[in-house]
Amino acid sequence: MDSDEALVTRSKRRPAAFEPLVDRHSVALHAYLVRRCGRAAEDLLAEVWLAAFAQRAGYDPGLGSVRGWLFGIARNHVLAHWRREASRASAAAEYATVDGGDRGDGGAGWEAADARLDAAALLPAMLTALRELPEPERELLLLTAWEQLTPAEAARVAGIPAGTARSRLHRARARMRQLLGRGRPDGPGHGRTHPLPTDPSHPLADSTPVTSPGACA
């Protein structure tokens, strides 16, 4: 089977070669868009593929994987969608209203996004803990843990240096382990304590190298 990179390269000469990429990545892209834009996801997915096809000549394999490139395009369309709704702040306020009111925690836009995550795949306690993370850290954790991007790919999607992404992921995973170990959502010292992951492949089992304290952002 041809690699994603080979298909993009071939599609520059033969446009039909781009079609298998749509089959491979539409499900993941659609899930990403649903969690951020709800019912607008179908239209946005079409926009993302049109943009990717139009921009395929500019794809550079040296800058990252095709998957990361596609998620970067999707993220740009999410931000454009929020701007069309007036602004990212107004979109967050709308989500908060649907979700039951703005708690004033600075992350209201993610309340509905987290609520759309597959309940069968995540513990309710993990959703509660996710909401307490700062938005930049939450976005990177979702991109790596649930969208299955590498830290480098997630950094490209978020438009930040790879070192900054690694530092944020390190902080996010440490905070998640702390919150889950505290027995959320009842608070410190109350409720059932959730076992912490030991499998290195688990998204909360932090193996992210932090090269320098100065890399934090």
C-alpha atoms as a PDB file:
ATOM      1  CA  MET A   1       0.000   0.000   0.000  1.00  0.00           C
ATOM      2  CA  ASP A   2       1.314   3.416  -0.942  1.00  0.00           C
ATOM      3  CA  SER A   3       2.268   5.785   1.859  1.00  0.00           C
ATOM      4  CA  ASP A   4       0.359   9.022   2.415  1.00  0.00           C
ATOM      5  CA  GLU A   5       3.404  10.993   1.338  1.00  0.00           C
ATOM      6  CA  ALA A   6       3.698   9.024  -1.916  1.00  0.00           C
ATOM      7  CA  LEU A   7       0.024   9.609  -2.705  1.00  0.00           C
ATOM      8  CA  VAL A   8       0.292  13.365  -2.194  1.00  0.00           C
ATOM      9  CA  THR A   9       3.397  13.501  -4.371  1.00  0.00           C
ATOM     10  CA  ARG A  10       1.745  11.430  -7.122  1.00  0.00           C
ATOM     11  CA  SER A  11      -1.446  13.505  -6.943  1.00  0.00           C
ATOM     12  CA  LYS A  12       0.512  16.583  -7.981  1.00  0.00           C
ATOM     13  CA  ARG A  13       0.801  14.979 -11.425  1.00  0.00           C
ATOM     14  CA  ARG A  14      -2.267  12.715 -11.315  1.00  0.00           C
ATOM     15  CA  PRO A  15      -5.088  14.255  -9.203  1.00  0.00           C
ATOM     16  CA  ALA A  16      -6.979  10.953  -8.888  1.00  0.00           C
ATOM     17  CA  ALA A  17      -4.163   9.624  -6.679  1.00  0.00           C
ATOM     18  CA  PHE A  18      -5.425  11.912  -3.910  1.00  0.00           C
ATOM     19  CA  GLU A  19      -8.650   9.928  -3.441  1.00  0.00           C
ATOM     20  CA  PRO A  20      -7.263   7.165  -1.154  1.00  0.00           C
ATOM     21  CA  LEU A  21      -6.231   9.841   1.355  1.00  0.00           C
ATOM     22  CA  VAL A  22      -9.888  10.808   1.752  1.00  0.00           C
ATOM     23  CA  ASP A  23     -10.771   7.195   2.559  1.00  0.00           C
ATOM     24  CA  ARG A  24      -7.924   6.881   5.075  1.00  0.00           C
ATOM     25  CA  HIS A  25      -8.355  10.063   7.061  1.00  0.00           C
ATOM     26  CA  SER A  26     -11.990  11.211   6.826  1.00  0.00           C
ATOM     27  CA  VAL A  27     -13.185   9.356   9.934  1.00  0.00           C
ATOM     28  CA  ALA A  28     -10.479  10.827  12.188  1.00  0.00           C
ATOM     29  CA  LEU A  29     -10.872  14.326  10.743  1.00  0.00           C
ATOM     30  CA  HIS A  30     -14.640  14.198  11.084  1.00  0.00           C
ATOM     31  CA  ALA A  31     -14.381  13.143  14.736  1.00  0.00           C
ATOM     32  CA  TYR A  32     -11.966  16.012  15.388  1.00  0.00           C
ATOM     33  CA  LEU A  33     -14.344  18.511  13.779  1.00  0.00           C
ATOM     34  CA  VAL A  34     -17.430  17.169  15.575  1.00  0.00           C
ATOM     35  CA  ARG A  35     -15.770  17.592  18.950  1.00  0.00           C
ATOM     36  CA  ARG A  36     -15.044  21.213  18.166  1.00  0.00           C
ATOM     37  CA  CYS A  37     -17.858  22.391  15.910  1.00  0.00           C
ATOM     38  CA  GLY A  38     -20.735  19.959  16.361  1.00  0.00           C
ATOM     39  CA  ARG A  39     -23.218  19.865  13.502  1.00  0.00           C
ATOM     40  CA  ALA A  40     -21.019  22.087  11.325  1.00  0.00           C
ATOM     41  CA  ALA A  41     -18.528  19.208  11.032  1.00  0.00           C
ATOM     42  CA  GLU A  42     -19.919  17.793   7.770  1.00  0.00           C
ATOM     43  CA  ASP A  43     -19.575  21.082   5.912  1.00  0.00           C
ATOM     44  CA  LEU A  44     -16.183  21.765   7.462  1.00  0.00           C
ATOM     45  CA  LEU A  45     -14.897  18.336   6.470  1.00  0.00           C
ATOM     46  CA  ALA A  46     -15.738  19.078   2.846  1.00  0.00           C
ATOM     47  CA  GLU A  47     -13.941  22.427   3.144  1.00  0.00           C
ATOM     48  CA  VAL A  48     -10.887  20.744   4.651  1.00  0.00           C
ATOM     49  CA  TRP A  49     -10.599  18.241   1.798  1.00  0.00           C
ATOM     50  CA  LEU A  50     -11.084  20.932  -0.821  1.00  0.00           C
ATOM     51  CA  ALA A  51      -8.366  23.024   0.811  1.00  0.00           C
ATOM     52  CA  ALA A  52      -6.004  20.056   1.150  1.00  0.00           C
ATOM     53  CA  PHE A  53      -6.461  19.147  -2.513  1.00  0.00           C
ATOM     54  CA  ALA A  54      -5.878  22.741  -3.578  1.00  0.00           C
ATOM     55  CA  GLN A  55      -2.771  23.014  -1.372  1.00  0.00           C
ATOM     56  CA  ARG A  56      -1.254  19.621  -2.139  1.00  0.00           C
ATOM     57  CA  ALA A  57       1.490  21.112  -4.311  1.00  0.00           C
ATOM     58  CA  GLY A  58       2.786  22.948  -1.252  1.00  0.00           C
ATOM     59  CA  TYR A  59       2.998  19.896   1.005  1.00  0.00           C
ATOM     60  CA  ASP A  60       6.573  19.299   2.185  1.00  0.00           C
ATOM     61  CA  PRO A  61       7.286  15.837   3.690  1.00  0.00           C
ATOM     62  CA  GLY A  62      10.259  17.355   5.482  1.00  0.00           C
ATOM     63  CA  LEU A  63       7.918  19.399   7.679  1.00  0.00           C
ATOM     64  CA  GLY A  64       5.849  16.503   8.995  1.00  0.00           C
ATOM     65  CA  SER A  65       3.425  13.724   8.139  1.00  0.00           C
ATOM     66  CA  VAL A  66       0.418  14.029   5.856  1.00  0.00           C
ATOM     67  CA  ARG A  67      -1.807  13.297   8.869  1.00  0.00           C
ATOM     68  CA  GLY A  68      -0.366  16.245  10.779  1.00  0.00           C
ATOM     69  CA  TRP A  69      -0.682  18.453   7.692  1.00  0.00           C
ATOM     70  CA  LEU A  70      -4.362  17.520   7.335  1.00  0.00           C
ATOM     71  CA  PHE A  71      -5.097  18.196  11.006  1.00  0.00           C
ATOM     72  CA  GLY A  72      -3.371  21.564  10.666  1.00  0.00           C
ATOM     73  CA  ILE A  73      -5.718  22.445   7.807  1.00  0.00           C
ATOM     74  CA  ALA A  74      -8.677  21.204   9.871  1.00  0.00           C
ATOM     75  CA  ARG A  75      -7.637  23.346  12.832  1.00  0.00           C
ATOM     76  CA  ASN A  76      -7.453  26.422  10.597  1.00  0.00           C
ATOM     77  CA  HIS A  77     -10.984  25.750   9.406  1.00  0.00           C
ATOM     78  CA  VAL A  78     -12.209  25.306  12.970  1.00  0.00           C
ATOM     79  CA  LEU A  79     -10.783  28.712  13.870  1.00  0.00           C
ATOM     80  CA  ALA A  80     -12.293  30.253  10.731  1.00  0.00           C
ATOM     81  CA  HIS A  81     -15.659  28.726  11.638  1.00  0.00           C
ATOM     82  CA  TRP A  82     -15.491  30.251  15.097  1.00  0.00           C
ATOM     83  CA  ARG A  83     -14.626  33.647  13.601  1.00  0.00           C
ATOM     84  CA  ARG A  84     -17.608  33.386  11.282  1.00  0.00           C
ATOM     85  CA  GLU A  85     -19.818  32.797  14.294  1.00  0.00           C
ATOM     86  CA  ALA A  86     -18.585  36.230  15.506  1.00  0.00           C
ATOM     87  CA  SER A  87     -15.495  35.283  17.503  1.00  0.00           C
ATOM     88  CA  ARG A  88     -14.014  32.385  19.397  1.00  0.00           C
ATOM     89  CA  ALA A  89     -15.280  33.914  22.642  1.00  0.00           C
ATOM     90  CA  SER A  90     -18.868  34.098  21.443  1.00  0.00           C
ATOM     91  CA  ALA A  91     -18.680  30.511  20.222  1.00  0.00           C
ATOM     92  CA  ALA A  92     -17.449  29.440  23.656  1.00  0.00           C
ATOM     93  CA  ALA A  93     -20.307  31.315  25.294  1.00  0.00           C
ATOM     94  CA  GLU A  94     -22.809  29.566  23.016  1.00  0.00           C
ATOM     95  CA  TYR A  95     -21.366  26.166  23.882  1.00  0.00           C
ATOM     96  CA  ALA A  96     -21.479  27.013  27.570  1.00  0.00           C
ATOM     97  CA  THR A  97     -25.158  27.980  27.332  1.00  0.00           C
ATOM     98  CA  VAL A  98     -26.041  24.705  25.664  1.00  0.00           C
ATOM     99  CA  ASP A  99     -23.963  22.851  28.238  1.00  0.00           C
ATOM    100  CA  GLY A 100     -25.716  24.379  31.207  1.00  0.00           C
ATOM    101  CA  GLY A 101     -24.073  27.712  31.910  1.00  0.00           C
ATOM    102  CA  ASP A 102     -20.645  29.315  31.956  1.00  0.00           C
ATOM    103  CA  ARG A 103     -18.731  28.297  35.054  1.00  0.00           C
ATOM    104  CA  GLY A 104     -16.231  31.089  34.471  1.00  0.00           C
ATOM    105  CA  ASP A 105     -13.341  28.637  34.250  1.00  0.00           C
ATOM    106  CA  GLY A 106     -11.888  30.066  31.035  1.00  0.00           C
ATOM    107  CA  GLY A 107     -12.492  26.794  29.182  1.00  0.00           C
ATOM    108  CA  ALA A 108     -16.223  26.924  28.512  1.00  0.00           C
ATOM    109  CA  GLY A 109     -15.773  26.194  24.827  1.00  0.00           C
ATOM    110  CA  TRP A 110     -14.408  22.790  25.730  1.00  0.00           C
ATOM    111  CA  GLU A 111     -17.339  21.805  27.959  1.00  0.00           C
ATOM    112  CA  ALA A 112     -19.422  20.753  24.986  1.00  0.00           C
ATOM    113  CA  ALA A 113     -16.407  19.370  23.169  1.00  0.00           C
ATOM    114  CA  ASP A 114     -15.559  17.093  26.064  1.00  0.00           C
ATOM    115  CA  ALA A 115     -19.233  16.083  26.389  1.00  0.00           C
ATOM    116  CA  ARG A 116     -19.110  14.796  22.805  1.00  0.00           C
ATOM    117  CA  LEU A 117     -16.211  12.448  23.503  1.00  0.00           C
ATOM    118  CA  ASP A 118     -17.132   8.800  23.349  1.00  0.00           C
ATOM    119  CA  ALA A 119     -18.369   7.979  26.846  1.00  0.00           C
ATOM    120  CA  ALA A 120     -17.686   4.294  26.280  1.00  0.00           C
ATOM    121  CA  ALA A 121     -13.996   5.000  25.669  1.00  0.00           C
ATOM    122  CA  LEU A 122     -13.284   7.395  28.554  1.00  0.00           C
ATOM    123  CA  LEU A 123     -13.919   7.379  32.250  1.00  0.00           C
ATOM    124  CA  PRO A 124     -16.215  10.172  33.468  1.00  0.00           C
ATOM    125  CA  ALA A 125     -13.455  11.124  35.892  1.00  0.00           C
ATOM    126  CA  MET A 126     -11.081  11.697  32.978  1.00  0.00           C
ATOM    127  CA  LEU A 127     -13.548  14.096  31.363  1.00  0.00           C
ATOM    128  CA  THR A 128     -13.824  15.997  34.630  1.00  0.00           C
ATOM    129  CA  ALA A 129     -10.058  16.211  34.889  1.00  0.00           C
ATOM    130  CA  LEU A 130      -9.710  17.310  31.249  1.00  0.00           C
ATOM    131  CA  ARG A 131     -11.937  20.310  31.900  1.00  0.00           C
ATOM    132  CA  GLU A 132      -9.572  21.531  34.588  1.00  0.00           C
ATOM    133  CA  LEU A 133      -6.561  21.690  32.277  1.00  0.00           C
ATOM    134  CA  PRO A 134      -5.585  25.014  30.680  1.00  0.00           C
ATOM    135  CA  GLU A 135      -6.866  25.064  27.109  1.00  0.00           C
ATOM    136  CA  PRO A 136      -3.419  24.937  25.375  1.00  0.00           C
ATOM    137  CA  GLU A 137      -2.473  21.836  27.377  1.00  0.00           C
ATOM    138  CA  ARG A 138      -5.893  20.242  26.863  1.00  0.00           C
ATOM    139  CA  GLU A 139      -5.688  20.710  23.099  1.00  0.00           C
ATOM    140  CA  LEU A 140      -2.292  19.000  22.887  1.00  0.00           C
ATOM    141  CA  LEU A 141      -3.401  16.122  25.088  1.00  0.00           C
ATOM    142  CA  LEU A 142      -6.499  15.551  22.947  1.00  0.00           C
ATOM    143  CA  LEU A 143      -4.474  15.722  19.732  1.00  0.00           C
ATOM    144  CA  THR A 144      -1.953  13.156  20.953  1.00  0.00           C
ATOM    145  CA  ALA A 145      -4.166  10.853  23.038  1.00  0.00           C
ATOM    146  CA  TRP A 146      -7.367  10.774  21.008  1.00  0.00           C
ATOM    147  CA  GLU A 147      -6.406  11.993  17.552  1.00  0.00           C
ATOM    148  CA  GLN A 148      -3.257   9.804  17.731  1.00  0.00           C
ATOM    149  CA  LEU A 149      -0.871  12.494  16.513  1.00  0.00           C
ATOM    150  CA  THR A 150       2.757  12.427  17.586  1.00  0.00           C
ATOM    151  CA  PRO A 151       3.940  15.337  19.796  1.00  0.00           C
ATOM    152  CA  ALA A 152       5.748  16.780  16.771  1.00  0.00           C
ATOM    153  CA  GLU A 153       2.593  16.560  14.636  1.00  0.00           C
ATOM    154  CA  ALA A 154       0.490  18.095  17.410  1.00  0.00           C
ATOM    155  CA  ALA A 155       2.990  20.956  17.707  1.00  0.00           C
ATOM    156  CA  ARG A 156       2.644  21.653  13.995  1.00  0.00           C
ATOM    157  CA  VAL A 157      -1.164  21.604  14.239  1.00  0.00           C
ATOM    158  CA  ALA A 158      -1.077  23.997  17.203  1.00  0.00           C
ATOM    159  CA  GLY A 159       1.477  26.246  15.538  1.00  0.00           C
ATOM    160  CA  ILE A 160       4.027  26.034  18.362  1.00  0.00           C
ATOM    161  CA  PRO A 161       7.629  24.776  18.635  1.00  0.00           C
ATOM    162  CA  ALA A 162       8.076  21.056  19.305  1.00  0.00           C
ATOM    163  CA  GLY A 163       9.866  21.786  22.587  1.00  0.00           C
ATOM    164  CA  THR A 164       6.937  23.861  23.811  1.00  0.00           C
ATOM    165  CA  ALA A 165       4.528  21.063  22.899  1.00  0.00           C
ATOM    166  CA  ARG A 166       6.594  18.494  24.812  1.00  0.00           C
ATOM    167  CA  SER A 167       6.665  20.726  27.884  1.00  0.00           C
ATOM    168  CA  ARG A 168       2.910  21.336  27.778  1.00  0.00           C
ATOM    169  CA  LEU A 169       2.236  17.624  27.350  1.00  0.00           C
ATOM    170  CA  HIS A 170       4.486  16.837  30.308  1.00  0.00           C
ATOM    171  CA  ARG A 171       2.553  19.302  32.479  1.00  0.00           C
ATOM    172  CA  ALA A 172      -0.835  18.112  31.178  1.00  0.00           C
ATOM    173  CA  ARG A 173      -0.119  14.439  31.872  1.00  0.00           C
ATOM    174  CA  ALA A 174       1.263  15.189  35.321  1.00  0.00           C
ATOM    175  CA  ARG A 175      -1.814  17.271  36.152  1.00  0.00           C
ATOM    176  CA  MET A 176      -4.175  14.590  34.845  1.00  0.00           C
ATOM    177  CA  ARG A 177      -2.472  11.927  36.957  1.00  0.00           C
ATOM    178  CA  GLN A 178      -2.732  14.219  39.974  1.00  0.00           C
ATOM    179  CA  LEU A 179      -6.435  14.886  39.408  1.00  0.00           C
ATOM    180  CA  LEU A 180      -7.314  11.244  38.782  1.00  0.00           C
ATOM    181  CA  GLY A 181      -5.307  10.117  41.774  1.00  0.00           C
ATOM    182  CA  ARG A 182      -7.153  12.594  43.952  1.00  0.00           C
ATOM    183  CA  GLY A 183     -10.452  10.780  43.399  1.00  0.00           C
ATOM    184  CA  ARG A 184     -12.188  13.395  41.277  1.00  0.00           C
ATOM    185  CA  PRO A 185     -14.858  14.750  40.989  1.00  0.00           C
ATOM    186  CA  ASP A 186     -15.518  14.866  44.754  1.00  0.00           C
ATOM    187  CA  GLY A 187     -12.344  16.755  45.586  1.00  0.00           C
ATOM    188  CA  PRO A 188      -9.127  16.107  47.531  1.00  0.00           C
ATOM    189  CA  GLY A 189      -9.329  13.219  49.926  1.00  0.00           C
ATOM    190  CA  HIS A 190     -12.844  12.175  48.892  1.00  0.00           C
ATOM    191  CA  GLY A 191     -14.383   9.586  46.610  1.00  0.00           C
ATOM    192  CA  ARG A 192     -12.803   6.663  44.842  1.00  0.00           C
ATOM    193  CA  THR A 193      -9.185   6.946  43.818  1.00  0.00           C
ATOM    194  CA  HIS A 194      -8.598   5.899  40.217  1.00  0.00           C
ATOM    195  CA  PRO A 195      -5.567   3.713  39.524  1.00  0.00           C
ATOM    196  CA  LEU A 196      -2.831   5.527  37.644  1.00  0.00           C
ATOM    197  CA  PRO A 197      -1.602   4.040  34.343  1.00  0.00           C
ATOM    198  CA  THR A 198       1.725   2.244  34.218  1.00  0.00           C
ATOM    199  CA  ASP A 199       1.653   1.191  30.556  1.00  0.00           C
ATOM    200  CA  PRO A 200       4.063   3.545  28.695  1.00  0.00           C
ATOM    201  CA  SER A 201       1.689   3.580  25.702  1.00  0.00           C
ATOM    202  CA  HIS A 202      -1.155   5.029  27.805  1.00  0.00           C
ATOM    203  CA  PRO A 203      -1.738   8.771  27.128  1.00  0.00           C
ATOM    204  CA  LEU A 204      -1.363   9.604  30.821  1.00  0.00           C
ATOM    205  CA  ALA A 205       1.777   7.533  31.375  1.00  0.00           C
ATOM    206  CA  ASP A 206       4.184  10.347  30.699  1.00  0.00           C
ATOM    207  CA  SER A 207       7.248   9.411  28.683  1.00  0.00           C
ATOM    208  CA  THR A 208       7.569  12.807  26.996  1.00  0.00           C
ATOM    209  CA  PRO A 209      11.159  14.064  27.247  1.00  0.00           C
ATOM    210  CA  VAL A 210      11.555  17.642  28.425  1.00  0.00           C
ATOM    211  CA  THR A 211      14.870  18.882  27.136  1.00  0.00           C
ATOM    212  CA  SER A 212      15.095  22.102  29.052  1.00  0.00           C
ATOM    213  CA  PRO A 213      13.105  23.993  31.707  1.00  0.00           C
ATOM    214  CA  GLY A 214      13.245  26.966  29.373  1.00  0.00           C
ATOM    215  CA  ALA A 215      11.161  25.110  26.824  1.00  0.00           C
ATOM    216  CA  CYS A 216       7.980  25.702  28.809  1.00  0.00           C
ATOM    217  CA  ALA A 217       5.411  28.121  27.421  1.00  0.00           C
END
